[in-house]
Protein backbone atom coordinates (compact mmCIF):
# COMPACT_ATOMS: atom_id res chain seq x y z
CA MET A 1 11.05 4.77 -3.69
CA SER A 2 9.82 1.20 -4.00
CA ASN A 3 9.10 -1.30 -1.27
CA ARG A 4 9.16 -5.10 -1.20
CA ILE A 5 6.58 -6.93 0.91
CA ILE A 6 6.81 -10.68 1.45
CA GLN A 7 4.31 -12.72 3.45
CA MET A 8 5.15 -16.23 4.61
CA LYS A 9 3.63 -18.96 6.76
CA ASN A 10 4.86 -22.08 8.51
CA ASP A 11 2.63 -24.94 9.65
CA LYS A 12 5.50 -26.99 11.14
CA ARG A 13 6.28 -24.64 14.06
CA GLU A 14 9.61 -26.30 14.89
CA LYS A 15 11.04 -23.16 16.54
CA SER A 16 9.43 -20.58 18.78
CA VAL A 17 8.95 -16.99 17.66
CA ALA A 18 11.70 -15.92 20.09
CA ASP A 19 14.08 -18.51 18.59
CA LEU A 20 13.24 -17.34 15.06
CA ALA A 21 13.85 -13.73 16.12
CA HIS A 22 17.30 -14.66 17.46
CA LEU A 23 18.07 -16.61 14.29
CA LEU A 24 17.13 -13.63 12.09
CA ARG A 25 19.22 -11.32 14.27
CA ASP A 26 22.21 -13.58 13.71
CA GLU A 27 21.65 -14.37 10.02
CA VAL A 28 20.51 -11.07 8.49
CA ASN A 29 23.54 -9.06 7.43
CA ALA A 30 22.49 -5.74 8.99
CA ASP A 31 22.31 -3.76 12.19
CA MET A 32 19.33 -4.64 14.36
CA ILE A 33 17.73 -1.39 15.47
CA PHE A 34 14.91 -2.95 17.50
CA GLY A 35 13.84 -6.47 18.39
CA LYS A 36 11.13 -7.44 20.82
CA PRO A 37 9.45 -10.84 21.17
CA CYS A 38 6.38 -10.81 23.44
CA GLN A 39 3.09 -12.56 24.13
CA VAL A 40 -0.15 -10.99 23.00
CA GLY A 41 -3.35 -12.69 24.05
CA GLY A 42 -2.80 -16.39 23.45
CA GLY A 43 -0.09 -15.96 20.82
CA ASP A 44 3.53 -14.98 20.42
CA VAL A 45 4.72 -11.97 18.43
CA ALA A 46 8.10 -10.50 17.58
CA LEU A 47 8.78 -7.20 15.86
CA LEU A 48 12.27 -6.80 14.36
CA CYS A 49 13.72 -3.72 12.67
CA PHE A 50 17.01 -3.71 10.76
CA GLU A 51 19.02 -1.07 8.93
CA ARG A 52 21.87 -1.42 6.46
CA LEU A 53 24.15 1.07 4.76
CA PHE A 54 24.78 0.52 1.04
CA PHE A 55 28.06 2.14 0.07
CA ARG A 56 27.43 1.87 -3.68
CA ASN A 57 24.86 4.67 -3.53
CA GLY A 58 25.46 6.04 -0.03
CA SER A 59 21.98 5.23 1.25
CA TYR A 60 20.29 3.15 3.92
CA ALA A 61 17.75 0.41 3.43
CA SER A 62 15.46 -0.76 6.20
CA LEU A 63 13.84 -4.09 6.96
CA THR A 64 10.92 -4.71 9.30
CA ILE A 65 9.78 -8.23 10.15
CA MET A 66 6.74 -9.19 12.19
CA LEU A 67 6.62 -12.82 13.32
CA THR A 68 3.43 -14.26 14.81
CA ASP A 69 2.39 -17.63 16.21
CA ASP A 70 -1.27 -18.18 17.05
CA GLY A 71 -0.76 -21.78 18.22
CA ASP A 72 -1.64 -23.30 14.84
CA VAL A 73 0.50 -21.48 12.30
CA GLN A 74 3.41 -19.08 12.29
CA THR A 75 3.44 -16.12 9.93
CA ALA A 76 6.09 -13.65 8.86
CA ASP A 77 5.43 -10.26 7.31
CA ILE A 78 8.64 -8.90 5.78
CA VAL A 79 8.89 -5.31 4.54
CA GLY A 80 12.05 -4.06 2.84
CA TYR A 81 12.04 -0.33 2.15
CA GLY A 82 14.27 2.65 1.60
CA GLY A 83 17.56 2.35 -0.20
CA GLY A 84 17.05 5.40 -2.39
CA GLU A 85 19.08 8.58 -2.39
CA GLY A 86 18.94 11.96 -4.08
CA LEU A 87 16.49 13.41 -6.60
CA GLY A 88 15.87 10.16 -8.46
CA ASN A 89 15.60 8.19 -5.22
CA PHE A 90 16.75 5.00 -6.97
CA SER A 91 17.27 2.03 -4.66
CA TRP A 92 19.03 -0.21 -7.19
CA GLY A 93 17.13 -3.16 -5.70
CA ALA A 94 18.54 -2.77 -2.18
CA ASN A 95 15.13 -3.05 -0.51
CA ARG A 96 14.24 -6.14 -2.55
CA SER A 97 17.47 -7.98 -1.80
CA PHE A 98 17.22 -7.02 1.87
CA ALA A 99 13.71 -8.52 2.15
CA GLU A 100 14.73 -11.60 0.17
CA MET A 101 17.64 -12.17 2.57
CA ALA A 102 15.16 -12.57 5.45
CA GLU A 103 12.90 -14.69 3.25
CA GLY A 104 15.79 -17.09 2.62
CA VAL A 105 16.54 -17.46 6.33
CA LEU A 106 12.90 -18.27 7.10
CA ARG A 107 12.54 -20.61 4.12
CA LYS A 108 15.28 -22.78 5.67
CA GLN A 109 13.06 -23.02 8.77
CA GLY A 110 10.08 -24.39 6.83
CA PHE A 111 8.30 -21.13 5.96
CA GLN A 112 6.61 -20.84 2.58
CA THR A 113 5.97 -17.61 0.69
CA TYR A 114 2.31 -17.02 -0.11
CA SER A 115 2.47 -13.40 -1.22
CA ALA A 116 5.24 -11.17 -2.56
CA GLN A 117 4.62 -7.72 -3.97
CA LYS A 118 6.51 -4.63 -4.98
CA ILE A 119 4.89 -1.32 -4.16
């Protein structure tokens, strides 16, 4: 099973972490399993977990997003994983496209990708 990890940052900070969390909840085409914005120390954090069924191979893919705002810059860590099924555990790119969906939503809000890797 392969995973897709995308790291982004935003220096503009036009929306709060809570607003970004609500936007992702509304824009990502999946079921939100967990979403919790909160304050930690002097910054804001939101952890979001999504799940989506892919009928073409009968499997689920998962997406976890951690948004942070330390007062100077906002960051987003996006992890798409799962999507495989059976002995071969082939995901057919479900985890990649799932992560890239969230990346596209955040890019429209001024975020820039600084690292993307497939594991």
